[in-house]
């Protein structure tokens, strides 16, 4: 079953729920999505430190100095 057909099945199943049950389900879904969003965003500087090493050919401070001179 593809994702599209699964979504359609869920939508069809939702029709059999009362409005109150649909609201409760929606609240649960929103809560789960918020929890996932917070987990994804919990990346600290320690994990990011050094990831850009080797992407630039010049020193960061030299680059900043050059950009300031060009203004």
PDB file of N, CA and C in Angstrom:
ATOM      1  N   UNK A   1       0.858  -1.186   0.000  1.00  0.00           N
ATOM      2  CA  UNK A   1       0.000   0.000   0.000  1.00  0.00           C
ATOM      3  C   UNK A   1       0.892   1.233   0.000  1.00  0.00           C
ATOM      4  N   UNK A   2       0.748   2.086  -0.989  1.00  0.00           N
ATOM      5  CA  UNK A   2       1.550   3.299  -1.069  1.00  0.00           C
ATOM      6  C   UNK A   2       1.103   4.344  -0.063  1.00  0.00           C
ATOM      7  N   UNK A   3       1.934   5.352   0.124  1.00  0.00           N
ATOM      8  CA  UNK A   3       1.610   6.415   1.082  1.00  0.00           C
ATOM      9  C   UNK A   3       0.300   7.115   0.746  1.00  0.00           C
ATOM     10  N   UNK A   4       0.084   7.389  -0.532  1.00  0.00           N
ATOM     11  CA  UNK A   4      -1.142   8.076  -0.945  1.00  0.00           C
ATOM     12  C   UNK A   4      -2.384   7.275  -0.615  1.00  0.00           C
ATOM     13  N   UNK A   5      -2.333   5.976  -0.875  1.00  0.00           N
ATOM     14  CA  UNK A   5      -3.503   5.145  -0.588  1.00  0.00           C
ATOM     15  C   UNK A   5      -3.688   4.968   0.918  1.00  0.00           C
ATOM     16  N   UNK A   6      -2.600   4.968   1.680  1.00  0.00           N
ATOM     17  CA  UNK A   6      -2.708   4.876   3.136  1.00  0.00           C
ATOM     18  C   UNK A   6      -3.375   6.122   3.701  1.00  0.00           C
ATOM     19  N   UNK A   7      -2.994   7.277   3.182  1.00  0.00           N
ATOM     20  CA  UNK A   7      -3.606   8.532   3.622  1.00  0.00           C
ATOM     21  C   UNK A   7      -5.095   8.527   3.297  1.00  0.00           C
ATOM     22  N   UNK A   8      -5.448   8.054   2.109  1.00  0.00           N
ATOM     23  CA  UNK A   8      -6.868   7.992   1.727  1.00  0.00           C
ATOM     24  C   UNK A   8      -7.646   7.052   2.641  1.00  0.00           C
ATOM     25  N   UNK A   9      -7.036   5.919   3.017  1.00  0.00           N
ATOM     26  CA  UNK A   9      -7.694   4.978   3.923  1.00  0.00           C
ATOM     27  C   UNK A   9      -7.911   5.630   5.285  1.00  0.00           C
ATOM     28  N   UNK A  10      -6.897   6.337   5.771  1.00  0.00           N
ATOM     29  CA  UNK A  10      -7.019   7.011   7.061  1.00  0.00           C
ATOM     30  C   UNK A  10      -8.118   8.065   6.998  1.00  0.00           C
ATOM     31  N   UNK A  11      -8.159   8.835   5.912  1.00  0.00           N
ATOM     32  CA  UNK A  11      -9.220   9.846   5.758  1.00  0.00           C
ATOM     33  C   UNK A  11     -10.599   9.188   5.780  1.00  0.00           C
ATOM     34  N   UNK A  12     -10.723   8.050   5.104  1.00  0.00           N
ATOM     35  CA  UNK A  12     -12.011   7.348   5.072  1.00  0.00           C
ATOM     36  C   UNK A  12     -12.375   6.856   6.472  1.00  0.00           C
ATOM     37  N   UNK A  13     -11.380   6.329   7.193  1.00  0.00           N
ATOM     38  CA  UNK A  13     -11.632   5.860   8.563  1.00  0.00           C
ATOM     39  C   UNK A  13     -12.018   7.016   9.479  1.00  0.00           C
ATOM     40  N   UNK A  14     -11.469   8.184   9.234  1.00  0.00           N
ATOM     41  CA  UNK A  14     -11.787   9.355  10.054  1.00  0.00           C
ATOM     42  C   UNK A  14     -13.265   9.732   9.947  1.00  0.00           C
ATOM     43  N   UNK A  15     -13.838   9.498   8.807  1.00  0.00           N
ATOM     44  CA  UNK A  15     -15.246   9.845   8.600  1.00  0.00           C
ATOM     45  C   UNK A  15     -16.162   9.097   9.561  1.00  0.00           C
ATOM     46  N   UNK A  16     -15.734   7.917  10.027  1.00  0.00           N
ATOM     47  CA  UNK A  16     -16.571   7.134  10.943  1.00  0.00           C
ATOM     48  C   UNK A  16     -16.449   7.614  12.391  1.00  0.00           C
ATOM     49  N   UNK A  17     -15.500   8.506  12.664  1.00  0.00           N
ATOM     50  CA  UNK A  17     -15.328   9.038  14.018  1.00  0.00           C
ATOM     51  C   UNK A  17     -16.226  10.251  14.241  1.00  0.00           C
ATOM     52  N   UNK A  18     -16.603  10.443  15.474  1.00  0.00           N
ATOM     53  CA  UNK A  18     -17.384  11.641  15.814  1.00  0.00           C
ATOM     54  C   UNK A  18     -16.468  12.860  15.755  1.00  0.00           C
ATOM     55  N   UNK A  19     -17.073  14.025  15.756  1.00  0.00           N
ATOM     56  CA  UNK A  19     -16.279  15.259  15.730  1.00  0.00           C
ATOM     57  C   UNK A  19     -15.353  15.323  16.945  1.00  0.00           C
ATOM     58  N   UNK A  20     -15.854  14.927  18.111  1.00  0.00           N
ATOM     59  CA  UNK A  20     -15.049  14.941  19.333  1.00  0.00           C
ATOM     60  C   UNK A  20     -13.847  14.004  19.204  1.00  0.00           C
ATOM     61  N   UNK A  21     -14.072  12.817  18.659  1.00  0.00           N
ATOM     62  CA  UNK A  21     -12.973  11.857  18.472  1.00  0.00           C
ATOM     63  C   UNK A  21     -11.949  12.386  17.470  1.00  0.00           C
ATOM     64  N   UNK A  22     -12.433  13.066  16.421  1.00  0.00           N
ATOM     65  CA  UNK A  22     -11.510  13.646  15.446  1.00  0.00           C
ATOM     66  C   UNK A  22     -10.652  14.735  16.087  1.00  0.00           C
ATOM     67  N   UNK A  23     -11.258  15.569  16.934  1.00  0.00           N
ATOM     68  CA  UNK A  23     -10.493  16.604  17.629  1.00  0.00           C
ATOM     69  C   UNK A  23      -9.445  15.985  18.548  1.00  0.00           C
ATOM     70  N   UNK A  24      -9.816  14.923  19.265  1.00  0.00           N
ATOM     71  CA  UNK A  24      -8.875  14.255  20.155  1.00  0.00           C
ATOM     72  C   UNK A  24      -7.704  13.675  19.365  1.00  0.00           C
ATOM     73  N   UNK A  25      -8.014  13.074  18.233  1.00  0.00           N
ATOM     74  CA  UNK A  25      -6.972  12.520  17.380  1.00  0.00           C
ATOM     75  C   UNK A  25      -6.060  13.619  16.839  1.00  0.00           C
ATOM     76  N   UNK A  26      -6.656  14.716  16.450  1.00  0.00           N
ATOM     77  CA  UNK A  26      -5.885  15.852  15.947  1.00  0.00           C
ATOM     78  C   UNK A  26      -4.943  16.392  17.023  1.00  0.00           C
ATOM     79  N   UNK A  27      -5.438  16.505  18.245  1.00  0.00           N
ATOM     80  CA  UNK A  27      -4.604  16.976  19.348  1.00  0.00           C
ATOM     81  C   UNK A  27      -3.423  16.038  19.585  1.00  0.00           C
ATOM     82  N   UNK A  28      -3.677  14.738  19.517  1.00  0.00           N
ATOM     83  CA  UNK A  28      -2.592  13.756  19.685  1.00  0.00           C
ATOM     84  C   UNK A  28      -1.551  13.897  18.573  1.00  0.00           C
ATOM     85  N   UNK A  29      -2.034  14.055  17.358  1.00  0.00           N
ATOM     86  CA  UNK A  29      -1.139  14.196  16.214  1.00  0.00           C
ATOM     87  C   UNK A  29      -0.283  15.450  16.344  1.00  0.00           C
ATOM     88  N   UNK A  30      -0.886  16.557  16.721  1.00  0.00           N
ATOM     89  CA  UNK A  30      -0.154  17.808  16.905  1.00  0.00           C
ATOM     90  C   UNK A  30       0.897  17.644  17.996  1.00  0.00           C
ATOM     91  N   UNK A  31       0.523  16.998  19.097  1.00  0.00           N
ATOM     92  CA  UNK A  31       1.465  16.770  20.198  1.00  0.00           C
ATOM     93  C   UNK A  31       2.669  15.958  19.710  1.00  0.00           C
ATOM     94  N   UNK A  32       2.410  14.903  18.938  1.00  0.00           N
ATOM     95  CA  UNK A  32       3.509  14.066  18.405  1.00  0.00           C
ATOM     96  C   UNK A  32       4.421  14.867  17.479  1.00  0.00           C
ATOM     97  N   UNK A  33       3.818  15.668  16.613  1.00  0.00           N
ATOM     98  CA  UNK A  33       4.608  16.461  15.677  1.00  0.00           C
ATOM     99  C   UNK A  33       5.476  17.480  16.413  1.00  0.00           C
ATOM    100  N   UNK A  34       4.929  18.098  17.453  1.00  0.00           N
ATOM    101  CA  UNK A  34       5.711  19.054  18.243  1.00  0.00           C
ATOM    102  C   UNK A  34       6.874  18.363  18.934  1.00  0.00           C
ATOM    103  N   UNK A  35       6.644  17.166  19.472  1.00  0.00           N
ATOM    104  CA  UNK A  35       7.715  16.418  20.128  1.00  0.00           C
ATOM    105  C   UNK A  35       8.818  16.078  19.137  1.00  0.00           C
ATOM    106  N   UNK A  36       8.444  15.652  17.942  1.00  0.00           N
ATOM    107  CA  UNK A  36       9.437  15.318  16.913  1.00  0.00           C
ATOM    108  C   UNK A  36      10.214  16.555  16.504  1.00  0.00           C
ATOM    109  N   UNK A  37       9.520  17.686  16.365  1.00  0.00           N
ATOM    110  CA  UNK A  37      10.192  18.925  15.962  1.00  0.00           C
ATOM    111  C   UNK A  37      11.240  19.302  16.993  1.00  0.00           C
ATOM    112  N   UNK A  38      10.917  19.189  18.272  1.00  0.00           N
ATOM    113  CA  UNK A  38      11.865  19.544  19.318  1.00  0.00           C
ATOM    114  C   UNK A  38      13.050  18.590  19.341  1.00  0.00           C
ATOM    115  N   UNK A  39      12.825  17.327  19.047  1.00  0.00           N
ATOM    116  CA  UNK A  39      13.922  16.363  19.010  1.00  0.00           C
ATOM    117  C   UNK A  39      14.870  16.682  17.866  1.00  0.00           C
ATOM    118  N   UNK A  40      14.326  17.058  16.716  1.00  0.00           N
ATOM    119  CA  UNK A  40      15.147  17.372  15.549  1.00  0.00           C
ATOM    120  C   UNK A  40      15.968  18.627  15.791  1.00  0.00           C
ATOM    121  N   UNK A  41      15.393  19.607  16.473  1.00  0.00           N
ATOM    122  CA  UNK A  41      16.074  20.881  16.676  1.00  0.00           C
ATOM    123  C   UNK A  41      17.086  20.862  17.812  1.00  0.00           C
ATOM    124  N   UNK A  42      17.193  19.765  18.543  1.00  0.00           N
ATOM    125  CA  UNK A  42      18.121  19.701  19.660  1.00  0.00           C
ATOM    126  C   UNK A  42      19.519  19.304  19.191  1.00  0.00           C
ATOM    127  N   UNK A  43      20.075  20.082  18.299  1.00  0.00           N
ATOM    128  CA  UNK A  43      21.443  19.869  17.844  1.00  0.00           C
ATOM    129  C   UNK A  43      22.271  21.003  18.416  1.00  0.00           C
ATOM    130  N   UNK A  44      23.254  20.658  19.193  1.00  0.00           N
ATOM    131  CA  UNK A  44      24.082  21.672  19.822  1.00  0.00           C
ATOM    132  C   UNK A  44      25.289  22.028  18.973  1.00  0.00           C
ATOM    133  N   UNK A  45      25.956  23.073  19.403  1.00  0.00           N
ATOM    134  CA  UNK A  45      27.154  23.525  18.689  1.00  0.00           C
ATOM    135  C   UNK A  45      28.236  22.460  18.704  1.00  0.00           C
ATOM    136  N   UNK A  46      28.276  21.661  19.733  1.00  0.00           N
ATOM    137  CA  UNK A  46      29.294  20.607  19.815  1.00  0.00           C
ATOM    138  C   UNK A  46      29.187  19.647  18.629  1.00  0.00           C
ATOM    139  N   UNK A  47      27.964  19.326  18.234  1.00  0.00           N
ATOM    140  CA  UNK A  47      27.766  18.419  17.101  1.00  0.00           C
ATOM    141  C   UNK A  47      28.093  19.090  15.765  1.00  0.00           C
ATOM    142  N   UNK A  48      27.948  20.409  15.714  1.00  0.00           N
ATOM    143  CA  UNK A  48      28.178  21.135  14.467  1.00  0.00           C
ATOM    144  C   UNK A  48      29.629  21.581  14.294  1.00  0.00           C
ATOM    145  N   UNK A  49      30.349  21.662  15.396  1.00  0.00           N
ATOM    146  CA  UNK A  49      31.713  22.190  15.362  1.00  0.00           C
ATOM    147  C   UNK A  49      32.576  21.380  14.395  1.00  0.00           C
ATOM    148  N   UNK A  50      33.206  22.086  13.478  1.00  0.00           N
ATOM    149  CA  UNK A  50      34.148  21.468  12.552  1.00  0.00           C
ATOM    150  C   UNK A  50      33.537  20.901  11.284  1.00  0.00           C
ATOM    151  N   UNK A  51      32.226  20.937  11.132  1.00  0.00           N
ATOM    152  CA  UNK A  51      31.605  20.354   9.940  1.00  0.00           C
ATOM    153  C   UNK A  51      31.998  21.079   8.656  1.00  0.00           C
ATOM    154  N   UNK A  52      32.295  22.366   8.747  1.00  0.00           N
ATOM    155  CA  UNK A  52      32.641  23.133   7.550  1.00  0.00           C
ATOM    156  C   UNK A  52      34.122  23.094   7.205  1.00  0.00           C
ATOM    157  N   UNK A  53      34.897  22.432   8.028  1.00  0.00           N
ATOM    158  CA  UNK A  53      36.345  22.378   7.785  1.00  0.00           C
ATOM    159  C   UNK A  53      36.628  21.792   6.403  1.00  0.00           C
ATOM    160  N   UNK A  54      37.448  22.485   5.653  1.00  0.00           N
ATOM    161  CA  UNK A  54      37.822  22.019   4.329  1.00  0.00           C
ATOM    162  C   UNK A  54      36.928  22.534   3.217  1.00  0.00           C
ATOM    163  N   UNK A  55      35.828  23.206   3.555  1.00  0.00           N
ATOM    164  CA  UNK A  55      34.945  23.730   2.524  1.00  0.00           C
ATOM    165  C   UNK A  55      35.463  25.035   1.929  1.00  0.00           C
ATOM    166  N   UNK A  56      36.184  25.799   2.727  1.00  0.00           N
ATOM    167  CA  UNK A  56      36.726  27.068   2.262  1.00  0.00           C
ATOM    168  C   UNK A  56      38.234  26.955   2.176  1.00  0.00           C
ATOM    169  N   UNK A  57      38.795  27.697   1.240  1.00  0.00           N
ATOM    170  CA  UNK A  57      40.242  27.594   1.034  1.00  0.00           C
ATOM    171  C   UNK A  57      41.017  28.638   1.812  1.00  0.00           C
ATOM    172  N   UNK A  58      40.322  29.601   2.399  1.00  0.00           N
ATOM    173  CA  UNK A  58      41.026  30.606   3.171  1.00  0.00           C
ATOM    174  C   UNK A  58      40.511  30.649   4.600  1.00  0.00           C
ATOM    175  N   UNK A  59      41.301  31.221   5.461  1.00  0.00           N
ATOM    176  CA  UNK A  59      40.956  31.349   6.865  1.00  0.00           C
ATOM    177  C   UNK A  59      39.730  32.252   7.017  1.00  0.00           C
ATOM    178  N   UNK A  60      38.865  31.921   7.948  1.00  0.00           N
ATOM    179  CA  UNK A  60      37.633  32.682   8.145  1.00  0.00           C
ATOM    180  C   UNK A  60      37.924  34.138   8.494  1.00  0.00           C
ATOM    181  N   UNK A  61      38.912  34.374   9.354  1.00  0.00           N
ATOM    182  CA  UNK A  61      39.233  35.743   9.737  1.00  0.00           C
ATOM    183  C   UNK A  61      39.785  36.526   8.551  1.00  0.00           C
ATOM    184  N   UNK A  62      40.600  35.894   7.721  1.00  0.00           N
ATOM    185  CA  UNK A  62      41.114  36.555   6.515  1.00  0.00           C
ATOM    186  C   UNK A  62      39.964  36.924   5.580  1.00  0.00           C
ATOM    187  N   UNK A  63      39.008  36.045   5.451  1.00  0.00           N
ATOM    188  CA  UNK A  63      37.847  36.307   4.601  1.00  0.00           C
ATOM    189  C   UNK A  63      37.074  37.522   5.113  1.00  0.00           C
ATOM    190  N   UNK A  64      36.823  37.551   6.413  1.00  0.00           N
ATOM    191  CA  UNK A  64      36.085  38.666   7.005  1.00  0.00           C
ATOM    192  C   UNK A  64      36.855  39.964   6.804  1.00  0.00           C
ATOM    193  N   UNK A  65      38.162  39.936   7.030  1.00  0.00           N
ATOM    194  CA  UNK A  65      38.988  41.136   6.836  1.00  0.00           C
ATOM    195  C   UNK A  65      38.919  41.622   5.396  1.00  0.00           C
ATOM    196  N   UNK A  66      38.981  40.709   4.445  1.00  0.00           N
ATOM    197  CA  UNK A  66      38.896  41.060   3.021  1.00  0.00           C
ATOM    198  C   UNK A  66      37.559  41.688   2.695  1.00  0.00           C
ATOM    199  N   UNK A  67      36.489  41.121   3.217  1.00  0.00           N
ATOM    200  CA  UNK A  67      35.158  41.655   2.952  1.00  0.00           C
ATOM    201  C   UNK A  67      35.005  43.066   3.547  1.00  0.00           C
ATOM    202  N   UNK A  68      35.590  43.298   4.690  1.00  0.00           N
ATOM    203  CA  UNK A  68      35.510  44.612   5.311  1.00  0.00           C
ATOM    204  C   UNK A  68      36.299  45.644   4.502  1.00  0.00           C
ATOM    205  N   UNK A  69      37.424  45.234   3.962  1.00  0.00           N
ATOM    206  CA  UNK A  69      38.250  46.136   3.157  1.00  0.00           C
ATOM    207  C   UNK A  69      37.536  46.541   1.870  1.00  0.00           C
ATOM    208  N   UNK A  70      36.771  45.639   1.304  1.00  0.00           N
ATOM    209  CA  UNK A  70      36.097  45.882   0.032  1.00  0.00           C
ATOM    210  C   UNK A  70      34.924  46.847   0.183  1.00  0.00           C
ATOM    211  N   UNK A  71      34.465  47.108   1.389  1.00  0.00           N
ATOM    212  CA  UNK A  71      33.351  48.019   1.575  1.00  0.00           C
ATOM    213  C   UNK A  71      33.777  49.407   1.428  1.00  0.00           C
TER     214      UNK A  71
END
